[in-house]
Amino acid sequence: MLRRAGTGFGAMALAGLLGEESSAASANPLAVLQPEYEARAKRIIFLFMHGGPSQVDTFDYKPELKRDHGKPYPGKKPRIVSSSTGNLMASPFEFQQHGQSGKYISEIFPQIARITDDLCFINSMYGSNSRHGAALLELHTGSDTFIRPSMGSWLTYGLGTENQNLPGYITICPTQTHGGMNAWSSSFLPAYHHGTRIGLNGVPAGEAKIPFIENKHLTIAEQRSQLDLLKEINSEHLTERIHDDALEARIASFELAFRMQREAPMVQNLDNESEATKKLYGLDKPKTRDFGTQCLMARRFAESGVRFVQCSHSYKWDAHSGIKDNHRNNAAEVDQPIAGLIRDLKSRGLLEDTLVMWGGEFGRTPVSQGDGRDHNPHAISFFLAGGGTKPGIAYGSTDDHGYYATVNRVHFHDLHATILHLFGLEHTRLVYSYAGRDFRLTDIHGEVIHDIIA
């Protein structure tokens, strides 16, 4: 009987082990989970340019636009977004080739131009919506019409996070408009996958802190005693309920907040960084100090094991008029910090498994709107660095004037599928059941762009 039942005993033992793992996961919902296959990236830093940078004035060089300046656009314009648009308008900026790749870069990004061979450009991105709010949500969540979990929430749901004393998902100085919190929301995913904000748009990055991180009234021992009592009461309440995600998340959030008191302030404290590092990020200059502080904090959080970190340059790129001054000033604020971040990650050996992503919610029209450009979701330029992407390439292209993505088009759904792939996750299998159906970041869409993966 024992010989015949041996397999059964083995199965019982395995079930017990799996039960212990399940209990551990339940007790620690952000515990590290193994990817489906070998991951190229372990963490991501998203540099979000809120407002929509113009592709034809940054990284999508169009000599034909200069040649045809002032002429009517020869193709069909998409539906009008804000107001009427005029004829083709040349970029006010000069472009030059850089690096061994020979990529054309606008003069307004001299520092990024020097690291061109570390970057993977996608010049054929496009979205589905021409309005800031909807486009911003589509980029962050995959949906421009419904409230859905954000990229960072899906990643922590699928993989957990490497540091149990910090949130898995942090957003630094996020925007309060165009969807606001919905851009970093966990939506119907358990609440512990919600993004943790540090500061808000309009708050100087140097003053942006995690709220209520310090308790000046109680000692650590007194707080621990209070939390133990609170956990006991909440746990008793939880046993009376069949299932309560909100209560479980609340218990977990109290414990995480307690642990964060010791580690988060140290990570945010930039005083122990060398002067050379601060200068690398532009903290020595008023123009670059704010975004440089965001980027340096992002490196420190990523280095400490936070899965998803977002820096937001908000809300500055919406150049319906005065695009020459607008884009030159904005680029001057972010150019050195971004190049400094990528150089710093590379020198520390972190760029190999840290994915850096730059982009906005849409591009802009190659035709004029006074001396500016209107919204254009049909052609967007992004760049990636590290995290298993091919360096020194430009993928996809737009038409002669940069109005529409035409060759190797990449929708936001495809970008999301590719990001999850780099993290070792199959986007069609990362699902969550809610309200009677299975949901995923890419919904029913998305193709992995294998040509940009090293």
Protein backbone atom coordinates (compact mmCIF):
# COMPACT_ATOMS: atom_id res chain seq x y z
CA MET A 1 0.00 0.00 0.00
CA LEU A 2 2.82 2.37 0.90
CA ARG A 3 4.60 1.60 -2.39
CA ARG A 4 1.47 2.28 -4.40
CA ALA A 5 0.58 5.37 -2.37
CA GLY A 6 4.11 6.76 -2.43
CA THR A 7 3.30 9.14 -5.22
CA GLY A 8 0.26 10.24 -3.26
CA PHE A 9 2.37 11.04 -0.19
CA GLY A 10 4.75 12.98 -2.44
CA ALA A 11 1.86 14.95 -3.86
CA MET A 12 0.62 15.66 -0.34
CA ALA A 13 4.07 16.94 0.63
CA LEU A 14 4.21 19.11 -2.48
CA ALA A 15 0.77 20.48 -1.71
CA GLY A 16 1.97 21.37 1.77
CA LEU A 17 4.99 23.19 0.41
CA LEU A 18 2.87 25.07 -2.10
CA GLY A 19 0.48 25.93 0.70
CA GLU A 20 3.36 27.45 2.68
CA GLU A 21 4.39 29.49 -0.37
CA SER A 22 0.81 30.61 -0.85
CA SER A 23 0.58 31.65 2.80
CA ALA A 24 3.84 33.52 2.50
CA ALA A 25 2.59 35.32 -0.62
CA SER A 26 -0.64 36.17 1.17
CA ALA A 27 1.30 37.53 4.14
CA ASN A 28 3.64 39.44 1.85
CA PRO A 29 1.77 40.34 -1.36
CA LEU A 30 4.79 42.14 -2.84
CA ALA A 31 7.19 39.22 -2.37
CA VAL A 32 9.47 38.61 -5.35
CA LEU A 33 7.87 36.31 -7.93
CA GLN A 34 9.75 34.46 -10.64
CA PRO A 35 9.20 35.53 -14.27
CA GLU A 36 7.93 33.04 -16.81
CA TYR A 37 11.27 33.01 -18.64
CA GLU A 38 14.65 34.70 -18.37
CA ALA A 39 14.15 38.41 -17.80
CA ARG A 40 16.34 41.04 -19.43
CA ALA A 41 15.10 43.85 -17.19
CA LYS A 42 14.56 43.92 -13.42
CA ARG A 43 13.41 47.50 -13.00
CA ILE A 44 12.22 50.44 -15.13
CA ILE A 45 12.61 54.22 -14.95
CA PHE A 46 10.01 56.03 -17.05
CA LEU A 47 10.86 59.63 -17.96
CA PHE A 48 7.48 61.07 -18.86
CA MET A 49 7.37 64.29 -20.89
CA HIS A 50 3.84 65.50 -20.16
CA GLY A 51 2.25 67.61 -22.89
CA GLY A 52 3.50 65.85 -26.00
CA PRO A 53 6.98 66.64 -27.40
CA SER A 54 7.16 67.24 -31.13
CA GLN A 55 8.80 64.30 -32.91
CA VAL A 56 9.89 66.45 -35.87
CA ASP A 57 11.70 68.88 -33.54
CA THR A 58 13.46 66.28 -31.40
CA PHE A 59 14.37 62.84 -32.80
CA ASP A 60 12.53 62.40 -36.14
CA TYR A 61 14.55 64.39 -38.67
CA LYS A 62 12.58 65.41 -41.76
CA PRO A 63 14.58 67.35 -44.38
CA GLU A 64 11.47 67.28 -46.60
CA LEU A 65 9.71 69.43 -44.02
CA LYS A 66 12.32 72.13 -44.49
CA ARG A 67 12.12 71.76 -48.27
CA ASP A 68 8.32 72.10 -48.30
CA HIS A 69 8.00 74.75 -45.60
CA GLY A 70 4.90 76.89 -46.18
CA LYS A 71 3.29 74.48 -48.61
CA PRO A 72 -0.01 72.66 -47.95
CA TYR A 73 0.34 69.15 -46.54
CA PRO A 74 -0.05 66.87 -49.61
CA GLY A 75 -1.85 64.07 -47.75
CA LYS A 76 -5.07 63.87 -45.77
CA LYS A 77 -5.00 65.57 -42.40
CA PRO A 78 -6.61 63.72 -39.50
CA ARG A 79 -9.64 65.05 -37.67
CA ILE A 80 -9.03 68.52 -36.25
CA VAL A 81 -8.04 68.39 -32.58
CA SER A 82 -8.01 71.86 -31.09
CA SER A 83 -8.42 74.36 -33.90
CA SER A 84 -7.56 74.76 -37.54
CA THR A 85 -4.01 74.06 -38.65
CA GLY A 86 -2.05 75.67 -41.46
CA ASN A 87 0.63 74.61 -43.90
CA LEU A 88 3.79 72.61 -43.35
CA MET A 89 6.22 74.23 -40.93
CA ALA A 90 9.94 73.45 -40.86
CA SER A 91 11.61 72.75 -37.55
CA PRO A 92 13.28 75.86 -36.11
CA PHE A 93 16.14 73.61 -34.95
CA GLU A 94 19.12 72.16 -36.78
CA PHE A 95 19.75 68.40 -36.79
CA GLN A 96 23.10 66.63 -36.90
CA GLN A 97 24.20 63.01 -37.04
CA HIS A 98 25.82 61.57 -33.94
CA GLY A 99 27.65 58.45 -32.85
CA GLN A 100 28.52 55.39 -34.88
CA SER A 101 24.81 54.89 -35.52
CA GLY A 102 24.62 58.24 -37.33
CA LYS A 103 21.29 59.05 -35.73
CA TYR A 104 20.03 62.59 -36.42
CA ILE A 105 19.38 64.47 -33.16
CA SER A 106 18.00 67.97 -32.70
CA GLU A 107 20.42 70.63 -31.50
CA ILE A 108 18.31 71.14 -28.36
CA PHE A 109 19.57 67.79 -26.95
CA PRO A 110 23.38 68.11 -27.03
CA GLN A 111 23.98 65.78 -24.05
CA ILE A 112 21.60 63.07 -25.21
CA ALA A 113 23.27 63.33 -28.63
CA ARG A 114 26.55 62.23 -27.01
CA ILE A 115 25.03 58.97 -25.76
CA THR A 116 23.12 58.20 -28.98
CA ASP A 117 24.81 54.82 -29.35
CA ASP A 118 23.37 53.74 -25.97
CA LEU A 119 19.81 54.48 -27.06
CA CYS A 120 17.13 52.56 -28.92
CA PHE A 121 14.85 54.99 -30.77
CA ILE A 122 11.32 54.13 -31.85
CA ASN A 123 10.21 56.68 -34.45
CA SER A 124 6.97 54.93 -35.38
CA MET A 125 4.99 55.05 -32.15
CA TYR A 126 1.31 55.95 -32.32
CA GLY A 127 -1.74 56.06 -30.07
CA SER A 128 -5.51 56.12 -30.39
CA ASN A 129 -6.52 59.47 -28.90
CA SER A 130 -5.67 63.11 -29.54
CA ARG A 131 -6.74 64.46 -26.12
CA HIS A 132 -4.26 64.80 -23.29
CA GLY A 133 -6.28 62.97 -20.66
CA ALA A 134 -7.24 59.98 -22.77
CA ALA A 135 -3.83 59.72 -24.46
CA LEU A 136 -2.03 59.96 -21.12
CA LEU A 137 -4.17 57.17 -19.66
CA GLU A 138 -3.70 54.99 -22.73
CA LEU A 139 0.07 55.33 -22.44
CA HIS A 140 0.03 54.56 -18.71
CA THR A 141 -2.77 51.99 -18.50
CA GLY A 142 -3.53 50.69 -22.01
CA SER A 143 -7.04 52.19 -22.08
CA ASP A 144 -8.15 55.65 -23.18
CA THR A 145 -11.77 55.15 -22.17
CA PHE A 146 -11.83 53.23 -18.86
CA ILE A 147 -9.99 53.30 -15.55
CA ARG A 148 -7.51 50.44 -15.67
CA PRO A 149 -4.40 49.41 -13.67
CA SER A 150 -1.23 51.23 -14.69
CA MET A 151 2.01 49.74 -16.04
CA GLY A 152 3.73 49.85 -12.67
CA SER A 153 0.80 48.13 -10.98
CA TRP A 154 0.83 45.29 -13.51
CA LEU A 155 4.58 44.80 -13.07
CA THR A 156 4.40 44.57 -9.28
CA TYR A 157 1.37 42.26 -9.61
CA GLY A 158 3.34 39.97 -11.90
CA LEU A 159 6.75 40.13 -10.23
CA GLY A 160 6.48 41.71 -6.79
CA THR A 161 9.37 43.93 -5.76
CA GLU A 162 12.95 43.36 -4.66
CA ASN A 163 12.92 45.55 -1.54
CA GLN A 164 10.24 44.83 1.04
CA ASN A 165 11.03 48.05 2.92
CA LEU A 166 10.03 50.28 -0.01
CA PRO A 167 7.00 50.47 -2.31
CA GLY A 168 7.26 48.51 -5.53
CA TYR A 169 5.98 51.43 -7.58
CA ILE A 170 6.98 55.07 -7.05
CA THR A 171 6.01 58.14 -9.07
CA ILE A 172 7.96 61.36 -8.46
CA CYS A 173 6.19 64.71 -8.83
CA PRO A 174 3.33 63.29 -10.94
CA THR A 175 0.78 65.44 -12.72
CA GLN A 176 -2.55 66.22 -11.08
CA THR A 177 -4.33 66.81 -14.39
CA HIS A 178 -5.37 64.70 -17.40
CA GLY A 179 -6.37 61.67 -15.38
CA GLY A 180 -4.34 62.55 -12.31
CA MET A 181 -4.08 59.65 -9.90
CA ASN A 182 -5.63 57.26 -12.43
CA ALA A 183 -2.29 57.30 -14.26
CA TRP A 184 -0.61 55.53 -11.33
CA SER A 185 -3.65 53.73 -9.96
CA SER A 186 -3.92 50.00 -9.25
CA SER A 187 -7.62 50.23 -10.23
CA PHE A 188 -9.17 46.80 -9.63
CA LEU A 189 -5.83 45.15 -8.81
CA PRO A 190 -5.23 44.78 -5.06
CA ALA A 191 -4.49 48.15 -3.49
CA TYR A 192 -0.90 47.31 -2.53
CA HIS A 193 -0.02 47.57 -6.25
CA HIS A 194 -1.05 51.24 -6.27
CA GLY A 195 1.71 53.74 -7.04
CA THR A 196 3.22 55.72 -4.17
CA ARG A 197 3.62 59.36 -5.07
CA ILE A 198 6.46 61.54 -3.89
CA GLY A 199 5.47 65.18 -4.22
CA LEU A 200 3.23 66.53 -6.94
CA ASN A 201 3.50 68.60 -10.07
CA GLY A 202 4.51 72.10 -9.01
CA VAL A 203 6.35 70.96 -5.88
CA PRO A 204 10.14 71.35 -6.26
CA ALA A 205 11.67 67.89 -6.44
CA GLY A 206 14.05 68.76 -3.61
CA GLU A 207 11.05 69.28 -1.33
CA ALA A 208 9.12 66.22 -2.52
CA LYS A 209 8.94 63.67 0.27
CA ILE A 210 6.83 60.63 1.06
CA PRO A 211 4.01 62.05 3.23
CA PHE A 212 4.10 61.38 6.98
CA ILE A 213 7.28 59.32 6.74
CA GLU A 214 8.48 60.52 10.15
CA ASN A 215 6.70 60.09 13.49
CA LYS A 216 8.02 62.64 15.93
CA HIS A 217 5.62 61.68 18.71
CA LEU A 218 6.24 57.95 19.25
CA THR A 219 9.32 55.77 19.48
CA ILE A 220 9.83 52.84 17.12
CA ALA A 221 8.99 50.44 19.97
CA GLU A 222 5.76 52.25 20.77
CA GLN A 223 4.74 52.26 17.11
CA ARG A 224 5.51 48.54 16.84
CA SER A 225 3.31 47.84 19.87
CA GLN A 226 0.44 49.85 18.38
CA LEU A 227 0.75 48.13 15.01
CA ASP A 228 0.80 44.68 16.60
CA LEU A 229 -2.44 45.43 18.40
CA LEU A 230 -4.00 46.91 15.26
CA LYS A 231 -2.88 43.93 13.18
CA GLU A 232 -4.40 41.52 15.71
CA ILE A 233 -7.75 43.34 15.61
CA ASN A 234 -7.77 43.60 11.82
CA SER A 235 -6.77 39.95 11.43
CA GLU A 236 -9.64 38.83 13.66
CA HIS A 237 -11.99 40.94 11.56
CA LEU A 238 -10.50 39.44 8.38
CA THR A 239 -11.25 35.86 9.52
CA GLU A 240 -14.93 36.80 9.70
CA ARG A 241 -14.98 37.79 6.05
CA ILE A 242 -14.73 35.46 3.07
CA HIS A 243 -12.50 37.82 1.15
CA ASP A 244 -11.58 41.46 1.63
CA ASP A 245 -8.81 42.85 -0.61
CA ALA A 246 -9.12 46.31 0.88
CA LEU A 247 -8.61 45.08 4.45
CA GLU A 248 -5.69 42.85 3.47
CA ALA A 249 -4.11 45.76 1.62
CA ARG A 250 -4.64 48.02 4.61
CA ILE A 251 -2.87 45.60 6.93
CA ALA A 252 0.01 45.28 4.46
CA SER A 253 0.21 49.06 3.99
CA PHE A 254 0.57 49.68 7.73
CA GLU A 255 3.44 47.20 7.91
CA LEU A 256 5.15 48.66 4.81
CA ALA A 257 4.76 52.21 6.15
CA PHE A 258 6.43 51.13 9.40
CA ARG A 259 9.39 49.59 7.57
CA MET A 260 9.69 52.55 5.20
CA GLN A 261 10.42 54.94 8.07
CA ARG A 262 13.98 53.71 8.28
CA GLU A 263 14.90 53.16 4.63
CA ALA A 264 12.95 55.69 2.54
CA PRO A 265 14.43 58.85 4.12
CA MET A 266 17.94 57.46 3.56
CA VAL A 267 17.22 56.75 -0.11
CA GLN A 268 15.79 60.24 -0.62
CA ASN A 269 18.70 61.93 1.15
CA LEU A 270 21.05 63.07 -1.60
CA ASP A 271 23.62 64.60 0.75
CA ASN A 272 25.84 61.54 0.67
CA GLU A 273 26.15 61.71 -3.13
CA SER A 274 29.46 63.08 -4.38
CA GLU A 275 29.67 66.55 -5.87
CA ALA A 276 30.73 64.96 -9.15
CA THR A 277 27.55 62.88 -9.22
CA LYS A 278 25.36 65.86 -8.42
CA LYS A 279 27.06 67.81 -11.19
CA LEU A 280 26.55 64.90 -13.59
CA TYR A 281 22.79 65.22 -13.07
CA GLY A 282 22.85 69.03 -13.24
CA LEU A 283 22.05 69.70 -9.59
CA ASP A 284 24.61 72.54 -9.66
CA LYS A 285 22.52 74.57 -12.13
CA PRO A 286 19.13 76.20 -11.51
CA LYS A 287 17.88 75.16 -14.96
CA THR A 288 18.49 71.44 -14.49
CA ARG A 289 18.33 71.09 -10.71
CA ASP A 290 14.66 70.12 -10.45
CA PHE A 291 14.51 67.33 -13.04
CA GLY A 292 18.06 66.32 -12.16
CA THR A 293 16.91 65.75 -8.57
CA GLN A 294 14.07 63.56 -9.85
CA CYS A 295 16.46 61.51 -11.98
CA LEU A 296 18.98 61.08 -9.16
CA MET A 297 16.23 59.98 -6.78
CA ALA A 298 15.01 57.56 -9.46
CA ARG A 299 18.46 55.99 -9.72
CA ARG A 300 18.64 55.63 -5.93
CA PHE A 301 15.19 54.03 -5.71
CA ALA A 302 15.93 51.70 -8.64
CA GLU A 303 19.27 50.79 -7.09
CA SER A 304 17.43 50.02 -3.84
CA GLY A 305 15.14 47.50 -5.52
CA VAL A 306 12.03 49.48 -6.46
CA ARG A 307 10.47 47.83 -9.51
CA PHE A 308 8.93 50.86 -11.29
CA VAL A 309 9.98 54.51 -10.89
CA GLN A 310 8.50 57.39 -12.88
CA CYS A 311 9.83 60.94 -13.22
CA SER A 312 7.46 63.50 -14.73
CA HIS A 313 8.36 66.72 -16.53
CA SER A 314 4.92 68.28 -16.26
CA TYR A 315 3.04 69.96 -17.90
CA LYS A 316 5.32 71.82 -20.28
CA TRP A 317 5.50 70.32 -23.74
CA ASP A 318 2.06 71.36 -25.05
CA ALA A 319 3.39 73.87 -27.59
CA HIS A 320 0.36 75.11 -29.50
CA SER A 321 2.30 78.34 -29.88
CA GLY A 322 5.89 79.45 -29.47
CA ILE A 323 7.31 76.00 -30.06
CA LYS A 324 10.84 77.31 -30.61
CA ASP A 325 11.19 78.79 -27.12
CA ASN A 326 9.00 76.11 -25.53
CA HIS A 327 10.96 73.10 -26.74
CA ARG A 328 14.36 74.74 -26.35
CA ASN A 329 13.64 75.63 -22.71
CA ASN A 330 12.11 72.25 -21.90
CA ALA A 331 14.97 70.35 -23.48
CA ALA A 332 17.46 72.45 -21.55
CA GLU A 333 15.78 71.37 -18.29
CA VAL A 334 15.90 67.62 -19.00
CA ASP A 335 18.80 67.02 -21.43
CA GLN A 336 21.68 66.86 -18.95
CA PRO A 337 19.74 65.03 -16.19
CA ILE A 338 18.63 62.29 -18.62
CA ALA A 339 22.09 61.84 -20.11
CA GLY A 340 23.55 61.90 -16.60
CA LEU A 341 21.12 59.22 -15.43
CA ILE A 342 21.99 56.86 -18.29
CA ARG A 343 25.74 57.45 -17.88
CA ASP A 344 25.46 56.87 -14.12
CA LEU A 345 23.46 53.65 -14.51
CA LYS A 346 25.97 52.41 -17.09
CA SER A 347 29.00 53.18 -14.90
CA ARG A 348 27.42 51.30 -11.97
CA GLY A 349 26.57 48.25 -14.07
CA LEU A 350 22.85 48.90 -13.62
CA LEU A 351 21.89 49.84 -17.17
CA GLU A 352 22.15 46.22 -18.31
CA ASP A 353 19.03 45.24 -16.34
CA THR A 354 17.40 48.66 -15.86
CA LEU A 355 15.06 49.78 -18.63
CA VAL A 356 14.95 53.55 -19.15
CA MET A 357 12.07 54.89 -21.26
CA TRP A 358 11.51 58.45 -22.55
CA GLY A 359 8.35 59.78 -24.20
CA GLY A 360 5.09 61.72 -24.01
CA GLU A 361 1.42 60.98 -24.53
CA PHE A 362 1.50 61.95 -28.23
CA GLY A 363 3.53 63.82 -30.84
CA ARG A 364 2.70 67.02 -32.70
CA THR A 365 1.65 68.01 -36.20
CA PRO A 366 4.22 68.90 -38.86
CA VAL A 367 1.81 71.62 -39.98
CA SER A 368 1.62 74.95 -38.22
CA GLN A 369 -0.75 76.24 -35.59
CA GLY A 370 0.44 79.82 -35.58
CA ASP A 371 4.07 79.41 -34.50
CA GLY A 372 3.29 76.14 -32.70
CA ARG A 373 1.99 72.66 -33.45
CA ASP A 374 -1.22 70.81 -32.60
CA HIS A 375 -1.67 67.39 -30.96
CA ASN A 376 -0.81 64.39 -33.13
CA PRO A 377 -1.27 60.81 -31.86
CA HIS A 378 -0.39 59.37 -35.27
CA ALA A 379 3.38 59.84 -34.96
CA ILE A 380 5.34 59.79 -31.70
CA SER A 381 9.05 59.39 -30.97
CA PHE A 382 10.22 57.35 -27.96
CA PHE A 383 13.61 56.11 -26.90
CA LEU A 384 14.65 53.25 -24.64
CA ALA A 385 17.96 52.42 -23.04
CA GLY A 386 19.25 49.31 -21.29
CA GLY A 387 17.06 46.53 -20.00
CA GLY A 388 17.81 44.20 -22.91
CA THR A 389 17.06 46.64 -25.75
CA LYS A 390 19.34 47.06 -28.77
CA PRO A 391 21.54 50.14 -28.42
CA GLY A 392 22.34 52.43 -31.31
CA ILE A 393 19.33 51.70 -33.51
CA ALA A 394 16.30 53.59 -34.81
CA TYR A 395 13.24 51.42 -35.36
CA GLY A 396 10.36 52.33 -37.64
CA SER A 397 9.68 55.55 -39.51
CA THR A 398 7.05 58.11 -40.40
CA ASP A 399 6.03 59.58 -43.75
CA ASP A 400 8.15 62.23 -45.48
CA HIS A 401 6.77 65.02 -43.30
CA GLY A 402 6.39 63.14 -40.01
CA TYR A 403 2.59 63.19 -39.82
CA TYR A 404 1.88 59.44 -39.68
CA ALA A 405 3.83 56.40 -38.52
CA THR A 406 4.14 54.26 -41.65
CA VAL A 407 6.89 51.63 -41.40
CA ASN A 408 6.99 49.12 -38.51
CA ARG A 409 4.28 50.96 -36.61
CA VAL A 410 4.30 50.51 -32.82
CA HIS A 411 1.10 51.13 -30.87
CA PHE A 412 1.14 51.73 -27.12
CA HIS A 413 -0.20 48.17 -26.76
CA ASP A 414 2.89 46.88 -28.57
CA LEU A 415 5.13 48.94 -26.32
CA HIS A 416 3.44 47.46 -23.23
CA ALA A 417 3.75 43.93 -24.59
CA THR A 418 7.46 44.50 -25.26
CA ILE A 419 8.09 45.94 -21.78
CA LEU A 420 6.46 42.91 -20.14
CA HIS A 421 8.48 40.61 -22.41
CA LEU A 422 11.72 42.27 -21.29
CA PHE A 423 10.69 41.56 -17.70
CA GLY A 424 10.15 37.88 -18.51
CA LEU A 425 6.35 38.06 -18.67
CA GLU A 426 4.09 36.92 -21.50
CA HIS A 427 1.57 39.75 -21.88
CA THR A 428 -1.27 37.45 -22.94
CA ARG A 429 -0.92 35.42 -19.74
CA LEU A 430 -0.54 38.24 -17.23
CA VAL A 431 -4.24 38.44 -16.43
CA TYR A 432 -6.50 39.36 -13.53
CA SER A 433 -10.13 38.27 -13.24
CA TYR A 434 -12.52 41.06 -12.36
CA ALA A 435 -16.26 41.63 -12.89
CA GLY A 436 -16.71 38.41 -14.80
CA ARG A 437 -13.85 38.67 -17.30
CA ASP A 438 -10.07 38.45 -17.53
CA PHE A 439 -8.17 41.70 -17.93
CA ARG A 440 -4.61 42.40 -18.98
CA LEU A 441 -2.46 45.47 -19.64
CA THR A 442 -2.67 44.96 -23.40
CA ASP A 443 -6.37 43.97 -23.33
CA ILE A 444 -6.91 42.00 -26.58
CA HIS A 445 -4.07 43.69 -28.47
CA GLY A 446 -0.29 43.96 -28.48
CA GLU A 447 2.64 42.37 -30.29
CA VAL A 448 6.16 42.10 -28.90
CA ILE A 449 8.64 44.12 -30.99
CA HIS A 450 11.42 41.53 -31.15
CA ASP A 451 13.56 43.65 -33.52
CA ILE A 452 14.45 46.10 -30.73
CA ILE A 453 15.49 43.37 -28.27
CA ALA A 454 19.20 42.59 -28.04
